[in-house]
Amino acid sequence: MSEFTSFSNTYDSLGEAYMVIRDRENSIWIYEESLKIDPENFNAEDQVERIKFPIRFVES
């Protein structure tokens, strides 16, 4: 599976694009697809957490 990790980055970038247009539902879905391809994609993991639980990431 490691030969396909670049596809994970493509999904990761698409997830970011969905966040720019405030489409949280599709952003989460795409980030989760990215994690299926590369379970060690910590950015995607972090972004899903930030989208699902935004109150945890409010800067003080």
PDB file of N, CA and C in Angstrom:
ATOM      1  N   MET A   1       0.821  -1.194   0.000  1.00  0.00           N
ATOM      2  CA  MET A   1       0.000   0.000   0.000  1.00  0.00           C
ATOM      3  C   MET A   1       0.862   1.254   0.000  1.00  0.00           C
ATOM      4  N   SER A   2       2.087   1.177   0.431  1.00  0.00           N
ATOM      5  CA  SER A   2       2.924   2.372   0.545  1.00  0.00           C
ATOM      6  C   SER A   2       3.185   3.042  -0.801  1.00  0.00           C
ATOM      7  N   GLU A   3       3.048   2.318  -1.913  1.00  0.00           N
ATOM      8  CA  GLU A   3       3.286   2.938  -3.213  1.00  0.00           C
ATOM      9  C   GLU A   3       2.175   3.908  -3.607  1.00  0.00           C
ATOM     10  N   PHE A   4       1.077   3.934  -2.857  1.00  0.00           N
ATOM     11  CA  PHE A   4      -0.036   4.810  -3.177  1.00  0.00           C
ATOM     12  C   PHE A   4      -0.176   5.980  -2.210  1.00  0.00           C
ATOM     13  N   THR A   5       0.827   6.220  -1.391  1.00  0.00           N
ATOM     14  CA  THR A   5       0.697   7.295  -0.410  1.00  0.00           C
ATOM     15  C   THR A   5       0.559   8.668  -1.065  1.00  0.00           C
ATOM     16  N   SER A   6       1.041   8.854  -2.289  1.00  0.00           N
ATOM     17  CA  SER A   6       0.876  10.148  -2.954  1.00  0.00           C
ATOM     18  C   SER A   6      -0.598  10.444  -3.212  1.00  0.00           C
ATOM     19  N   PHE A   7      -1.402   9.419  -3.409  1.00  0.00           N
ATOM     20  CA  PHE A   7      -2.835   9.624  -3.572  1.00  0.00           C
ATOM     21  C   PHE A   7      -3.442  10.186  -2.294  1.00  0.00           C
ATOM     22  N   SER A   8      -2.905   9.787  -1.175  1.00  0.00           N
ATOM     23  CA  SER A   8      -3.370  10.311   0.092  1.00  0.00           C
ATOM     24  C   SER A   8      -3.199  11.824   0.137  1.00  0.00           C
ATOM     25  N   ASN A   9      -2.091  12.315  -0.385  1.00  0.00           N
ATOM     26  CA  ASN A   9      -1.846  13.758  -0.414  1.00  0.00           C
ATOM     27  C   ASN A   9      -2.866  14.473  -1.305  1.00  0.00           C
ATOM     28  N   THR A  10      -3.255  13.841  -2.392  1.00  0.00           N
ATOM     29  CA  THR A  10      -4.266  14.418  -3.271  1.00  0.00           C
ATOM     30  C   THR A  10      -5.585  14.587  -2.523  1.00  0.00           C
ATOM     31  N   TYR A  11      -5.989  13.549  -1.806  1.00  0.00           N
ATOM     32  CA  TYR A  11      -7.210  13.621  -1.005  1.00  0.00           C
ATOM     33  C   TYR A  11      -7.081  14.689   0.078  1.00  0.00           C
ATOM     34  N   ASP A  12      -5.902  14.746   0.692  1.00  0.00           N
ATOM     35  CA  ASP A  12      -5.643  15.724   1.736  1.00  0.00           C
ATOM     36  C   ASP A  12      -5.838  17.143   1.193  1.00  0.00           C
ATOM     37  N   SER A  13      -5.321  17.405   0.020  1.00  0.00           N
ATOM     38  CA  SER A  13      -5.466  18.725  -0.599  1.00  0.00           C
ATOM     39  C   SER A  13      -6.918  19.022  -0.945  1.00  0.00           C
ATOM     40  N   LEU A  14      -7.641  18.019  -1.405  1.00  0.00           N
ATOM     41  CA  LEU A  14      -9.053  18.212  -1.710  1.00  0.00           C
ATOM     42  C   LEU A  14      -9.844  18.502  -0.432  1.00  0.00           C
ATOM     43  N   GLY A  15      -9.479  17.828   0.651  1.00  0.00           N
ATOM     44  CA  GLY A  15     -10.116  18.110   1.941  1.00  0.00           C
ATOM     45  C   GLY A  15      -9.920  19.559   2.344  1.00  0.00           C
ATOM     46  N   GLU A  16      -8.721  20.086   2.115  1.00  0.00           N
ATOM     47  CA  GLU A  16      -8.446  21.491   2.408  1.00  0.00           C
ATOM     48  C   GLU A  16      -9.313  22.405   1.532  1.00  0.00           C
ATOM     49  N   ALA A  17      -9.459  22.058   0.274  1.00  0.00           N
ATOM     50  CA  ALA A  17     -10.276  22.864  -0.631  1.00  0.00           C
ATOM     51  C   ALA A  17     -11.725  22.901  -0.159  1.00  0.00           C
ATOM     52  N   TYR A  18     -12.244  21.766   0.278  1.00  0.00           N
ATOM     53  CA  TYR A  18     -13.608  21.748   0.805  1.00  0.00           C
ATOM     54  C   TYR A  18     -13.726  22.630   2.042  1.00  0.00           C
ATOM     55  N   MET A  19     -12.701  22.686   2.855  1.00  0.00           N
ATOM     56  CA  MET A  19     -12.753  23.550   4.033  1.00  0.00           C
ATOM     57  C   MET A  19     -12.765  25.018   3.635  1.00  0.00           C
ATOM     58  N   VAL A  20     -12.058  25.367   2.586  1.00  0.00           N
ATOM     59  CA  VAL A  20     -12.035  26.759   2.123  1.00  0.00           C
ATOM     60  C   VAL A  20     -13.440  27.226   1.753  1.00  0.00           C
ATOM     61  N   ILE A  21     -14.219  26.331   1.140  1.00  0.00           N
ATOM     62  CA  ILE A  21     -15.589  26.702   0.763  1.00  0.00           C
ATOM     63  C   ILE A  21     -16.596  26.315   1.858  1.00  0.00           C
ATOM     64  N   ARG A  22     -16.079  25.953   3.019  1.00  0.00           N
ATOM     65  CA  ARG A  22     -16.894  25.645   4.212  1.00  0.00           C
ATOM     66  C   ARG A  22     -17.844  24.462   4.010  1.00  0.00           C
ATOM     67  N   ASP A  23     -17.383  23.474   3.255  1.00  0.00           N
ATOM     68  CA  ASP A  23     -18.161  22.247   3.057  1.00  0.00           C
ATOM     69  C   ASP A  23     -17.587  21.190   3.997  1.00  0.00           C
ATOM     70  N   ARG A  24     -18.006  21.262   5.249  1.00  0.00           N
ATOM     71  CA  ARG A  24     -17.463  20.390   6.296  1.00  0.00           C
ATOM     72  C   ARG A  24     -17.737  18.913   6.033  1.00  0.00           C
ATOM     73  N   GLU A  25     -18.939  18.604   5.572  1.00  0.00           N
ATOM     74  CA  GLU A  25     -19.322  17.210   5.349  1.00  0.00           C
ATOM     75  C   GLU A  25     -18.398  16.529   4.339  1.00  0.00           C
ATOM     76  N   ASN A  26     -18.204  17.161   3.199  1.00  0.00           N
ATOM     77  CA  ASN A  26     -17.321  16.567   2.192  1.00  0.00           C
ATOM     78  C   ASN A  26     -15.861  16.600   2.622  1.00  0.00           C
ATOM     79  N   SER A  27     -15.485  17.622   3.358  1.00  0.00           N
ATOM     80  CA  SER A  27     -14.114  17.694   3.850  1.00  0.00           C
ATOM     81  C   SER A  27     -13.805  16.511   4.760  1.00  0.00           C
ATOM     82  N   ILE A  28     -14.693  16.232   5.688  1.00  0.00           N
ATOM     83  CA  ILE A  28     -14.492  15.081   6.586  1.00  0.00           C
ATOM     84  C   ILE A  28     -14.424  13.800   5.785  1.00  0.00           C
ATOM     85  N   TRP A  29     -15.348  13.633   4.850  1.00  0.00           N
ATOM     86  CA  TRP A  29     -15.382  12.410   4.040  1.00  0.00           C
ATOM     87  C   TRP A  29     -14.069  12.224   3.283  1.00  0.00           C
ATOM     88  N   ILE A  30     -13.580  13.302   2.663  1.00  0.00           N
ATOM     89  CA  ILE A  30     -12.342  13.209   1.884  1.00  0.00           C
ATOM     90  C   ILE A  30     -11.145  12.938   2.792  1.00  0.00           C
ATOM     91  N   TYR A  31     -11.063  13.621   3.928  1.00  0.00           N
ATOM     92  CA  TYR A  31      -9.955  13.359   4.852  1.00  0.00           C
ATOM     93  C   TYR A  31      -9.987  11.906   5.341  1.00  0.00           C
ATOM     94  N   GLU A  32     -11.162  11.372   5.580  1.00  0.00           N
ATOM     95  CA  GLU A  32     -11.260   9.975   6.013  1.00  0.00           C
ATOM     96  C   GLU A  32     -10.846   9.020   4.894  1.00  0.00           C
ATOM     97  N   GLU A  33     -11.149   9.373   3.648  1.00  0.00           N
ATOM     98  CA  GLU A  33     -10.668   8.567   2.519  1.00  0.00           C
ATOM     99  C   GLU A  33      -9.142   8.603   2.465  1.00  0.00           C
ATOM    100  N   SER A  34      -8.581   9.753   2.712  1.00  0.00           N
ATOM    101  CA  SER A  34      -7.127   9.895   2.747  1.00  0.00           C
ATOM    102  C   SER A  34      -6.522   8.979   3.807  1.00  0.00           C
ATOM    103  N   LEU A  35      -7.185   8.907   4.952  1.00  0.00           N
ATOM    104  CA  LEU A  35      -6.693   8.045   6.033  1.00  0.00           C
ATOM    105  C   LEU A  35      -6.810   6.564   5.694  1.00  0.00           C
ATOM    106  N   LYS A  36      -7.769   6.193   4.879  1.00  0.00           N
ATOM    107  CA  LYS A  36      -7.866   4.795   4.447  1.00  0.00           C
ATOM    108  C   LYS A  36      -6.663   4.422   3.591  1.00  0.00           C
ATOM    109  N   ILE A  37      -6.203   5.375   2.772  1.00  0.00           N
ATOM    110  CA  ILE A  37      -5.056   5.119   1.906  1.00  0.00           C
ATOM    111  C   ILE A  37      -3.765   5.135   2.710  1.00  0.00           C
ATOM    112  N   ASP A  38      -3.661   6.108   3.614  1.00  0.00           N
ATOM    113  CA  ASP A  38      -2.446   6.258   4.426  1.00  0.00           C
ATOM    114  C   ASP A  38      -2.845   6.531   5.870  1.00  0.00           C
ATOM    115  N   PRO A  39      -2.976   5.484   6.678  1.00  0.00           N
ATOM    116  CA  PRO A  39      -3.379   5.647   8.075  1.00  0.00           C
ATOM    117  C   PRO A  39      -2.419   6.498   8.908  1.00  0.00           C
ATOM    118  N   GLU A  40      -1.236   6.752   8.377  1.00  0.00           N
ATOM    119  CA  GLU A  40      -0.274   7.577   9.107  1.00  0.00           C
ATOM    120  C   GLU A  40      -0.292   9.035   8.641  1.00  0.00           C
ATOM    121  N   ASN A  41      -1.320   9.417   7.923  1.00  0.00           N
ATOM    122  CA  ASN A  41      -1.471  10.803   7.486  1.00  0.00           C
ATOM    123  C   ASN A  41      -2.009  11.604   8.670  1.00  0.00           C
ATOM    124  N   PHE A  42      -1.090  12.099   9.473  1.00  0.00           N
ATOM    125  CA  PHE A  42      -1.473  12.768  10.707  1.00  0.00           C
ATOM    126  C   PHE A  42      -2.163  14.104  10.457  1.00  0.00           C
ATOM    127  N   ASN A  43      -1.871  14.750   9.343  1.00  0.00           N
ATOM    128  CA  ASN A  43      -2.578  15.993   9.028  1.00  0.00           C
ATOM    129  C   ASN A  43      -4.062  15.712   8.830  1.00  0.00           C
ATOM    130  N   ALA A  44      -4.385  14.688   8.063  1.00  0.00           N
ATOM    131  CA  ALA A  44      -5.798  14.351   7.832  1.00  0.00           C
ATOM    132  C   ALA A  44      -6.479  14.003   9.151  1.00  0.00           C
ATOM    133  N   GLU A  45      -5.796  13.253   9.971  1.00  0.00           N
ATOM    134  CA  GLU A  45      -6.344  12.876  11.282  1.00  0.00           C
ATOM    135  C   GLU A  45      -6.630  14.128  12.120  1.00  0.00           C
ATOM    136  N   ASP A  46      -5.681  15.046  12.134  1.00  0.00           N
ATOM    137  CA  ASP A  46      -5.854  16.293  12.887  1.00  0.00           C
ATOM    138  C   ASP A  46      -6.993  17.128  12.330  1.00  0.00           C
ATOM    139  N   GLN A  47      -7.097  17.204  11.028  1.00  0.00           N
ATOM    140  CA  GLN A  47      -8.144  18.020  10.417  1.00  0.00           C
ATOM    141  C   GLN A  47      -9.533  17.465  10.714  1.00  0.00           C
ATOM    142  N   VAL A  48      -9.680  16.147  10.690  1.00  0.00           N
ATOM    143  CA  VAL A  48     -10.976  15.544  11.024  1.00  0.00           C
ATOM    144  C   VAL A  48     -11.351  15.919  12.455  1.00  0.00           C
ATOM    145  N   GLU A  49     -10.400  15.852  13.361  1.00  0.00           N
ATOM    146  CA  GLU A  49     -10.657  16.225  14.755  1.00  0.00           C
ATOM    147  C   GLU A  49     -11.044  17.703  14.850  1.00  0.00           C
ATOM    148  N   ARG A  50     -10.347  18.558  14.136  1.00  0.00           N
ATOM    149  CA  ARG A  50     -10.641  19.998  14.171  1.00  0.00           C
ATOM    150  C   ARG A  50     -12.041  20.300  13.622  1.00  0.00           C
ATOM    151  N   ILE A  51     -12.447  19.566  12.606  1.00  0.00           N
ATOM    152  CA  ILE A  51     -13.762  19.798  12.017  1.00  0.00           C
ATOM    153  C   ILE A  51     -14.866  19.268  12.931  1.00  0.00           C
ATOM    154  N   LYS A  52     -14.663  18.077  13.451  1.00  0.00           N
ATOM    155  CA  LYS A  52     -15.692  17.452  14.286  1.00  0.00           C
ATOM    156  C   LYS A  52     -15.799  18.091  15.664  1.00  0.00           C
ATOM    157  N   PHE A  53     -14.673  18.553  16.201  1.00  0.00           N
ATOM    158  CA  PHE A  53     -14.633  19.078  17.569  1.00  0.00           C
ATOM    159  C   PHE A  53     -13.926  20.438  17.607  1.00  0.00           C
ATOM    160  N   PRO A  54     -14.488  21.445  16.946  1.00  0.00           N
ATOM    161  CA  PRO A  54     -13.787  22.731  16.835  1.00  0.00           C
ATOM    162  C   PRO A  54     -13.528  23.422  18.163  1.00  0.00           C
ATOM    163  N   ILE A  55     -14.365  23.176  19.152  1.00  0.00           N
ATOM    164  CA  ILE A  55     -14.207  23.842  20.442  1.00  0.00           C
ATOM    165  C   ILE A  55     -12.881  23.450  21.118  1.00  0.00           C
ATOM    166  N   ARG A  56     -12.370  22.264  20.810  1.00  0.00           N
ATOM    167  CA  ARG A  56     -11.108  21.808  21.383  1.00  0.00           C
ATOM    168  C   ARG A  56      -9.916  22.607  20.857  1.00  0.00           C
ATOM    169  N   PHE A  57     -10.102  23.260  19.719  1.00  0.00           N
ATOM    170  CA  PHE A  57      -8.978  23.911  19.044  1.00  0.00           C
ATOM    171  C   PHE A  57      -9.089  25.432  19.035  1.00  0.00           C
ATOM    172  N   VAL A  58      -9.965  25.961  19.853  1.00  0.00           N
ATOM    173  CA  VAL A  58     -10.104  27.409  19.938  1.00  0.00           C
ATOM    174  C   VAL A  58      -8.849  27.962  20.597  1.00  0.00           C
ATOM    175  N   GLU A  59      -8.234  28.917  19.931  1.00  0.00           N
ATOM    176  CA  GLU A  59      -7.009  29.518  20.474  1.00  0.00           C
ATOM    177  C   GLU A  59      -7.378  30.527  21.544  1.00  0.00           C
ATOM    178  N   SER A  60      -6.593  30.520  22.607  1.00  0.00           N
ATOM    179  CA  SER A  60      -6.864  31.474  23.683  1.00  0.00           C
ATOM    180  C   SER A  60      -5.935  32.641  23.647  1.00  0.00           C
TER     181      SER A  60
END
